[in-house]
Protein backbone atom coordinates (compact mmCIF):
# COMPACT_ATOMS: atom_id res chain seq x y z
CA MET A 1 74.47 138.92 141.77
CA HIS A 2 71.51 136.77 140.33
CA GLY A 3 70.51 137.55 136.88
CA ARG A 4 73.64 139.51 136.03
CA PRO A 5 75.94 138.10 133.40
CA ARG A 6 79.50 137.69 134.46
CA GLN A 7 82.27 139.71 132.59
CA PRO A 8 84.24 137.33 130.35
CA GLN A 9 87.69 136.84 131.46
CA GLY A 10 90.15 138.71 129.28
CA VAL A 11 87.65 141.17 127.97
CA PRO A 12 88.25 144.73 129.30
CA GLU A 13 85.37 146.47 130.98
CA ASP A 14 83.81 149.43 129.26
CA THR A 15 85.47 152.51 130.76
CA GLU A 16 82.39 154.63 130.54
CA LYS A 17 80.22 152.16 132.38
CA VAL A 18 82.83 151.76 135.08
CA LYS A 19 82.89 155.55 135.54
CA ALA A 20 79.17 155.80 135.61
CA SER A 21 78.86 153.00 138.10
CA GLN A 22 81.56 154.61 140.39
CA LYS A 23 79.59 157.91 140.29
CA ARG A 24 76.44 156.07 141.43
CA ILE A 25 78.24 154.48 144.27
CA ALA A 26 79.70 157.67 145.45
CA LEU A 27 76.37 159.39 145.23
CA PHE A 28 74.62 156.57 147.19
CA SER A 29 77.40 156.73 149.69
CA ARG A 30 77.05 160.51 150.26
CA LEU A 31 73.27 160.02 150.50
CA THR A 32 73.31 157.34 153.10
CA THR A 33 75.74 159.23 155.17
CA GLU A 34 73.53 162.27 155.08
CA VAL A 35 70.40 160.33 155.94
CA LEU A 36 72.00 158.60 159.02
CA LEU A 37 73.39 161.80 160.37
CA ARG A 38 69.95 163.39 160.08
CA ARG A 39 68.46 160.35 161.96
CA ARG A 40 71.15 160.63 164.73
CA ALA A 41 70.13 164.31 165.03
CA LYS A 42 66.54 163.29 165.12
CA GLN A 43 65.68 165.53 162.32
CA TYR A 44 62.08 164.57 161.28
CA ASP A 45 61.37 167.39 158.87
CA GLU A 46 60.00 166.83 155.30
CA GLU A 47 63.24 167.23 153.46
CA SER A 48 64.92 164.57 155.69
CA LEU A 49 62.11 162.25 154.98
CA LYS A 50 62.41 162.90 151.18
CA LEU A 51 65.97 162.03 151.29
CA ALA A 52 65.20 158.81 153.26
CA ALA A 53 62.64 157.80 150.66
CA LYS A 54 65.08 158.61 147.87
CA LEU A 55 67.61 156.27 149.45
CA LEU A 56 65.17 153.41 150.19
CA GLU A 57 64.04 153.50 146.60
CA GLN A 58 67.62 152.67 145.57
CA ASN A 59 68.19 150.10 148.25
CA PRO A 60 64.96 148.99 150.06
CA GLU A 61 66.78 146.69 152.38
CA LEU A 62 68.14 149.52 154.65
CA TYR A 63 66.13 148.52 157.54
CA THR A 64 67.65 151.34 159.60
CA ILE A 65 66.28 153.99 157.32
CA TRP A 66 62.77 152.22 157.64
CA ASN A 67 63.17 152.54 161.33
CA TYR A 68 64.04 156.32 160.84
CA ARG A 69 60.76 156.83 159.10
CA ARG A 70 58.77 155.05 161.76
CA GLU A 71 60.57 157.11 164.55
CA ALA A 72 59.55 160.20 162.75
CA LEU A 73 55.85 159.36 161.82
CA GLN A 74 54.52 157.27 164.65
CA ASP A 75 53.19 160.28 166.80
CA LYS A 76 51.52 161.79 163.64
CA LEU A 77 50.14 158.49 162.65
CA GLN A 78 48.64 158.08 166.00
CA GLY A 79 46.81 161.42 165.40
CA SER A 80 48.76 164.13 167.15
CA ASP A 81 48.23 166.46 164.10
CA GLY A 82 44.70 165.26 163.38
CA HIS A 83 43.18 162.36 161.54
CA GLU A 84 43.35 163.91 158.06
CA VAL A 85 47.14 164.48 158.53
CA ALA A 86 47.47 160.83 159.66
CA GLN A 87 45.62 159.55 156.59
CA ARG A 88 47.82 161.69 154.07
CA ILE A 89 51.00 160.40 155.80
CA ALA A 90 49.67 156.74 155.70
CA GLN A 91 49.14 157.13 152.01
CA GLN A 92 52.44 158.63 151.42
CA GLU A 93 54.10 155.67 153.33
CA MET A 94 52.24 153.26 151.15
CA GLN A 95 53.53 155.15 148.07
CA VAL A 96 57.16 154.76 149.47
CA THR A 97 56.79 151.03 150.18
CA GLN A 98 55.32 150.42 146.72
CA ALA A 99 58.20 152.11 144.99
CA ALA A 100 60.58 150.10 147.06
CA LEU A 101 58.68 146.92 146.31
CA THR A 102 58.55 147.73 142.63
CA ARG A 103 62.36 147.62 142.75
CA ASN A 104 62.60 144.46 144.96
CA PRO A 105 59.31 142.49 145.44
CA LYS A 106 60.98 140.31 148.01
CA SER A 107 62.30 143.09 150.30
CA TYR A 108 61.63 142.05 154.02
CA SER A 109 62.03 145.54 155.24
CA SER A 110 59.61 147.12 152.83
CA TRP A 111 56.90 144.45 153.48
CA HIS A 112 57.44 144.85 157.18
CA HIS A 113 56.91 148.58 156.89
CA ARG A 114 53.78 148.22 154.90
CA LYS A 115 52.35 145.86 157.44
CA TRP A 116 53.00 148.32 160.13
CA ILE A 117 51.10 151.03 158.04
CA ILE A 118 48.03 148.87 157.32
CA GLN A 119 47.77 148.05 161.18
CA THR A 120 47.07 151.89 161.82
CA HIS A 121 43.60 151.42 159.92
CA LEU A 122 44.34 154.54 158.02
CA VAL A 123 44.34 152.97 154.52
CA PRO A 124 41.50 151.15 152.69
CA LEU A 125 42.17 147.40 152.91
CA ASP A 126 40.00 146.57 149.89
CA ALA A 127 42.64 148.48 147.70
CA GLU A 128 45.32 146.57 149.41
CA LEU A 129 43.91 143.23 148.81
CA ARG A 130 43.49 144.01 145.07
CA LEU A 131 47.13 145.19 145.01
CA VAL A 132 48.70 142.12 146.73
CA LYS A 133 46.74 140.06 144.24
CA GLN A 134 48.44 141.87 141.46
CA PHE A 135 51.73 141.16 143.04
CA MET A 136 50.72 137.40 143.16
CA GLN A 137 49.89 137.52 139.48
CA ALA A 138 53.63 138.42 138.81
CA ASP A 139 54.80 135.85 141.35
CA SER A 140 52.43 133.52 142.95
CA ARG A 141 55.15 131.87 144.99
CA ASN A 142 56.40 135.08 146.76
CA PHE A 143 56.00 134.14 150.31
CA HIS A 144 56.15 137.80 151.50
CA CYS A 145 53.06 138.42 149.42
CA TRP A 146 51.22 135.39 151.15
CA SER A 147 52.39 136.79 154.55
CA TYR A 148 50.90 140.15 153.78
CA TRP A 149 47.65 138.64 152.23
CA ARG A 150 47.24 136.60 155.53
CA LEU A 151 47.48 139.77 157.62
CA LEU A 152 45.02 141.54 155.31
CA VAL A 153 42.42 138.85 155.34
CA LYS A 154 42.68 138.71 159.13
CA LEU A 155 42.24 142.53 159.54
CA MET A 156 39.23 142.46 156.90
CA GLY A 157 37.63 139.40 158.58
CA LEU A 158 37.44 137.59 155.21
CA SER A 159 35.75 134.25 155.69
CA ALA A 160 37.71 130.90 155.44
CA GLU A 161 35.42 129.80 152.54
CA ASP A 162 36.62 132.85 150.45
CA GLN A 163 40.12 132.20 151.55
CA GLU A 164 39.95 128.64 150.61
CA SER A 165 38.53 129.50 147.05
CA TYR A 166 41.24 131.94 146.42
CA ILE A 167 44.10 129.52 147.44
CA LEU A 168 42.67 126.71 145.49
CA GLY A 169 42.74 128.94 142.44
CA LYS A 170 46.34 129.70 143.07
CA ILE A 171 47.03 125.92 143.40
CA GLU A 172 45.37 125.09 140.17
CA ASP A 173 47.17 127.87 138.41
CA ASN A 174 50.58 126.42 139.50
CA PHE A 175 50.87 123.21 141.51
CA SER A 176 54.58 124.01 142.31
CA ASN A 177 53.37 126.62 144.99
CA TYR A 178 54.54 125.79 148.46
CA SER A 179 53.12 128.98 150.00
CA ALA A 180 49.62 128.13 148.54
CA TRP A 181 49.72 124.56 149.73
CA HIS A 182 50.93 125.76 153.10
CA GLU A 183 48.07 128.21 153.38
CA ARG A 184 45.75 125.63 152.50
CA THR A 185 46.59 123.54 155.56
CA ARG A 186 45.81 126.51 157.63
CA VAL A 187 42.46 127.30 155.98
CA LEU A 188 41.21 123.81 156.06
CA GLN A 189 41.84 123.41 159.75
CA ASP A 190 39.87 126.80 160.14
CA LEU A 191 36.87 125.32 158.16
CA ASN A 192 36.74 121.77 159.50
CA THR A 193 38.41 121.38 163.07
CA GLU A 194 37.67 122.74 166.45
CA ARG A 195 41.38 122.50 167.46
CA PRO A 196 44.17 123.38 164.82
CA THR A 197 46.14 120.73 162.95
CA LEU A 198 49.88 121.28 162.53
CA SER A 199 50.87 123.31 159.41
CA LEU A 200 53.41 122.10 156.96
CA ALA A 201 56.21 124.12 158.74
CA GLU A 202 55.18 122.95 162.17
CA LEU A 203 55.08 119.41 160.90
CA LEU A 204 58.69 119.54 159.70
CA ALA A 205 59.68 121.19 162.91
CA ALA A 206 57.92 118.65 165.02
CA ASP A 207 59.78 115.77 162.96
CA SER A 208 63.05 117.27 164.13
CA GLN A 209 61.90 117.43 167.73
CA GLY A 210 60.55 114.03 167.48
CA GLN A 211 63.72 112.75 166.25
CA SER A 212 65.68 114.32 169.20
CA ALA A 213 63.18 112.85 171.49
CA SER A 214 63.47 109.35 170.05
CA ALA A 215 67.28 109.54 170.30
CA ALA A 216 66.86 110.46 174.07
CA GLY A 217 64.41 107.60 174.71
CA ASN A 218 61.55 109.90 175.35
CA LYS A 219 58.01 109.60 174.08
CA PRO A 220 56.73 112.15 171.40
CA THR A 221 54.70 114.78 173.04
CA ASP A 222 51.29 115.93 172.27
CA ALA A 223 52.69 118.88 170.07
CA VAL A 224 53.23 116.44 167.14
CA ARG A 225 49.67 114.96 167.31
CA LEU A 226 47.21 116.13 164.96
CA GLN A 227 43.49 117.05 165.25
CA PRO A 228 42.34 115.13 162.22
CA LEU A 229 40.29 116.69 159.24
CA PRO A 230 36.99 114.97 158.41
CA GLY A 231 37.20 111.85 156.11
CA HIS A 232 35.30 113.25 153.25
CA VAL A 233 37.57 116.45 153.34
CA LEU A 234 40.59 114.26 153.28
CA GLN A 235 39.25 112.29 150.24
CA GLN A 236 38.75 115.50 148.25
CA GLU A 237 42.39 116.64 148.99
CA TYR A 238 43.93 113.26 148.02
CA GLU A 239 42.27 113.76 144.69
CA LEU A 240 43.45 117.29 144.49
CA VAL A 241 47.14 116.48 145.33
CA LYS A 242 46.89 113.35 142.98
CA ASN A 243 46.20 115.73 140.05
CA ALA A 244 49.39 117.63 141.12
CA PHE A 245 51.56 114.57 141.09
CA TYR A 246 50.53 113.59 137.42
CA THR A 247 51.06 117.18 136.35
CA GLU A 248 54.48 118.03 138.11
CA PRO A 249 55.76 114.80 139.82
CA HIS A 250 59.25 116.35 140.43
CA ASP A 251 57.93 119.15 142.72
CA GLN A 252 58.30 118.71 146.38
CA SER A 253 55.64 121.00 147.77
CA SER A 254 52.60 118.72 146.68
CA TRP A 255 54.67 115.63 148.12
CA LEU A 256 54.94 117.35 151.52
CA TYR A 257 51.22 118.27 151.44
CA LEU A 258 50.47 114.47 150.83
CA ARG A 259 52.53 113.77 153.87
CA TRP A 260 50.35 116.19 155.88
CA LEU A 261 47.12 114.41 154.60
CA ILE A 262 48.63 111.02 155.49
CA GLY A 263 49.35 112.48 159.04
CA ASN A 264 45.70 113.60 159.17
CA SER A 265 44.42 110.22 158.25
CA LEU A 266 46.63 108.40 160.85
CA ALA A 267 45.40 110.89 163.52
CA GLY A 268 41.73 110.09 162.65
CA TRP A 269 42.50 106.35 162.92
CA GLN A 270 44.21 106.97 166.21
CA LYS A 271 41.15 108.91 167.53
CA ALA A 272 38.97 106.05 166.66
CA LYS A 273 40.96 103.44 168.69
CA GLY A 274 38.90 102.07 171.60
CA THR A 275 35.70 103.04 170.12
CA PRO A 276 32.93 101.09 168.17
CA GLN A 277 34.47 102.76 165.02
CA GLU A 278 37.90 101.37 165.39
CA ALA A 279 37.49 98.26 163.12
CA SER A 280 36.09 100.48 160.18
CA ALA A 281 38.58 103.25 160.83
CA THR A 282 41.48 100.67 160.65
CA GLN A 283 40.20 99.25 157.32
CA ALA A 284 39.79 102.81 155.99
CA MET A 285 43.30 103.65 157.14
CA LYS A 286 44.76 100.49 155.34
CA ALA A 287 42.73 101.33 152.15
CA THR A 288 44.20 104.92 152.10
CA LEU A 289 47.66 103.52 152.63
CA ASN A 290 47.20 100.97 149.68
CA ASP A 291 45.76 103.59 147.57
CA GLN A 292 48.67 106.09 148.03
CA ALA A 293 51.37 103.24 147.63
CA SER A 294 49.64 102.09 144.36
CA MET A 295 49.62 105.92 143.02
CA CYS A 296 53.39 106.14 143.93
CA GLN A 297 54.20 103.04 142.04
CA GLU A 298 52.29 104.15 139.07
CA ILE A 299 54.08 107.46 138.85
CA LEU A 300 57.42 105.63 139.28
CA GLN A 301 56.45 103.54 136.36
CA MET A 302 55.51 106.64 134.24
CA GLU A 303 58.86 108.14 135.27
CA GLU A 304 60.79 105.17 134.13
CA GLN A 305 59.09 104.96 130.79
CA ALA A 306 59.60 108.81 130.31
CA SER A 307 63.32 108.94 131.41
CA GLY A 308 64.51 105.58 131.39
CA LEU A 309 67.35 104.37 133.76
CA ASP A 310 69.78 106.91 132.86
CA ASP A 311 68.08 109.65 134.55
CA ARG A 312 66.19 108.66 137.85
CA SER A 313 66.21 111.99 139.70
CA GLY A 314 62.41 112.39 138.98
CA GLN A 315 61.91 109.15 141.12
CA LYS A 316 63.05 110.75 144.22
CA TRP A 317 59.81 111.92 145.78
CA PRO A 318 57.56 109.05 144.86
CA LEU A 319 60.30 106.67 146.09
CA LEU A 320 60.71 108.52 149.49
CA THR A 321 56.98 108.63 149.97
CA LEU A 322 56.59 105.03 148.94
CA ALA A 323 59.25 103.99 151.62
CA ARG A 324 57.43 105.97 154.37
CA LEU A 325 54.05 104.39 153.35
CA ARG A 326 55.69 100.87 153.48
CA GLU A 327 57.10 101.54 156.90
CA VAL A 328 53.49 102.65 158.17
CA GLN A 329 51.88 99.55 156.55
CA HIS A 330 54.54 97.33 158.05
CA GLN A 331 54.01 98.69 161.67
CA LEU A 332 50.14 98.47 161.25
CA ALA A 333 50.64 94.73 160.34
CA SER A 334 53.50 93.88 162.57
CA PRO A 335 53.83 96.28 165.46
CA ALA A 336 56.46 94.37 167.18
CA ASP A 337 58.88 94.44 164.21
CA SER A 338 60.28 97.93 163.43
CA ASN A 339 62.35 96.83 160.53
CA CYS A 340 60.64 97.05 156.94
CA SER A 341 62.72 95.25 154.48
CA GLU A 342 61.13 96.99 151.39
CA ALA A 343 61.53 100.48 152.92
CA GLN A 344 65.27 99.62 153.57
CA GLN A 345 65.76 98.70 149.99
CA ILE A 346 64.07 101.98 148.78
CA TYR A 347 66.41 103.90 151.00
CA HIS A 348 69.44 102.29 149.47
CA THR A 349 68.12 103.11 146.05
CA LEU A 350 67.55 106.68 147.02
CA ILE A 351 71.27 106.87 148.28
CA GLU A 352 72.18 106.04 144.61
CA ILE A 353 69.80 108.45 142.96
CA ASP A 354 70.25 111.31 145.57
CA PRO A 355 73.87 110.91 147.04
CA PHE A 356 74.06 114.29 148.47
CA ARG A 357 71.47 113.33 151.07
CA LYS A 358 73.16 110.03 151.96
CA GLY A 359 73.22 110.75 155.63
CA TYR A 360 69.45 111.50 155.81
CA TYR A 361 68.64 108.11 154.08
CA ILE A 362 71.03 106.33 156.40
CA ASP A 363 69.26 107.92 159.38
CA ALA A 364 65.85 106.83 157.92
CA MET A 365 67.23 103.32 157.65
CA HIS A 366 68.09 103.41 161.27
CA GLY A 367 64.80 104.51 162.29
CA LYS A 368 65.78 108.20 162.98
CA ALA A 369 63.37 109.95 160.45
CA ALA A 370 59.59 110.26 160.26
CA GLN A 371 59.11 110.52 163.94
CA VAL A 372 55.80 112.37 163.53
CA THR A 373 54.26 109.59 161.45
CA ARG A 374 55.39 106.88 163.78
CA SER A 375 54.46 108.64 166.83
CA LEU A 376 50.76 108.34 165.66
CA ILE A 377 51.06 104.54 165.38
CA SER A 378 50.67 102.38 168.39
CA PRO A 379 50.24 98.62 168.59
CA ILE A 380 46.75 97.40 167.34
CA ASN A 381 44.97 94.24 168.38
CA ALA A 382 45.77 91.23 166.30
CA SER A 383 42.08 91.01 165.35
CA SER A 384 42.16 94.34 163.44
């Protein structure tokens, strides 16, 4: 188990500890059997629910026991015994889940049960929002907390501006927070676009779909196209993520966020094609790519000075990003030529630095990666 020291070989275990552990296991087994028998008999009395709560406090991941509690309480929570009784039961369930989450803050079943309770509208949501923020103080990257927070702000009708402010604070507290970066992609689209952009998770999924489509000879579908963020918003976000790189260049979450931003910039350029703004949009796109490539090169120089040539592991993400940028720049300059020699060299370097992902880099060299990015690029006029 994580966090538990392994017993050294040849050292006998403490007899008393072994006996105590065996006793706990026997008690847990008897309690589990008793609660399951009561569920089978559909015993929904107070004593049965107390035994179930005791069992869940010991092991919050027993989803069958959470189901038992829902079966026992769903009618009462819907008001069969009156509103006051429903409120009291809802508060009791919140206490049961809080005890379970104190034991395991990443318990899927406990968070699921808590979501079920708050959607009955029988508990004060303001207090819940304060509580989940306390959980995030303990672990700001707990994606269960973020999922719960997202449901809460939806139920409360919290403005996108307030959400953005909170998310930004969490990112500034810790740039290595994938959940916060992911939430930022969602809230920025709520603030700035009429049709949603893709989230980071959707972008990665669409990348796989685009790869399959390319292998089959099909064109990428509209599902991989982005509704771009406005240019001034993108510039602010490029500055934000740049600060993350100079603080924690080894962390992948900010590099994935940059990939999402570049996808937005490409979508904005694509949207301007065939309009009077095409020439200026093309120049802006090239400038953005140049700026990001220069930043990658600067970070690579910093990493080389800091770690030398003996340890190049910190160069992985800026190198991979630079390869993708060079591919895009090459296709903008030479649409008919899909082979970018500089990107190919970078992929060879990445194989040396990161041999465990050799297959991925070989696929990239053969044009089987980054389909989302490439799907946004179509041939441009030589004059542009």
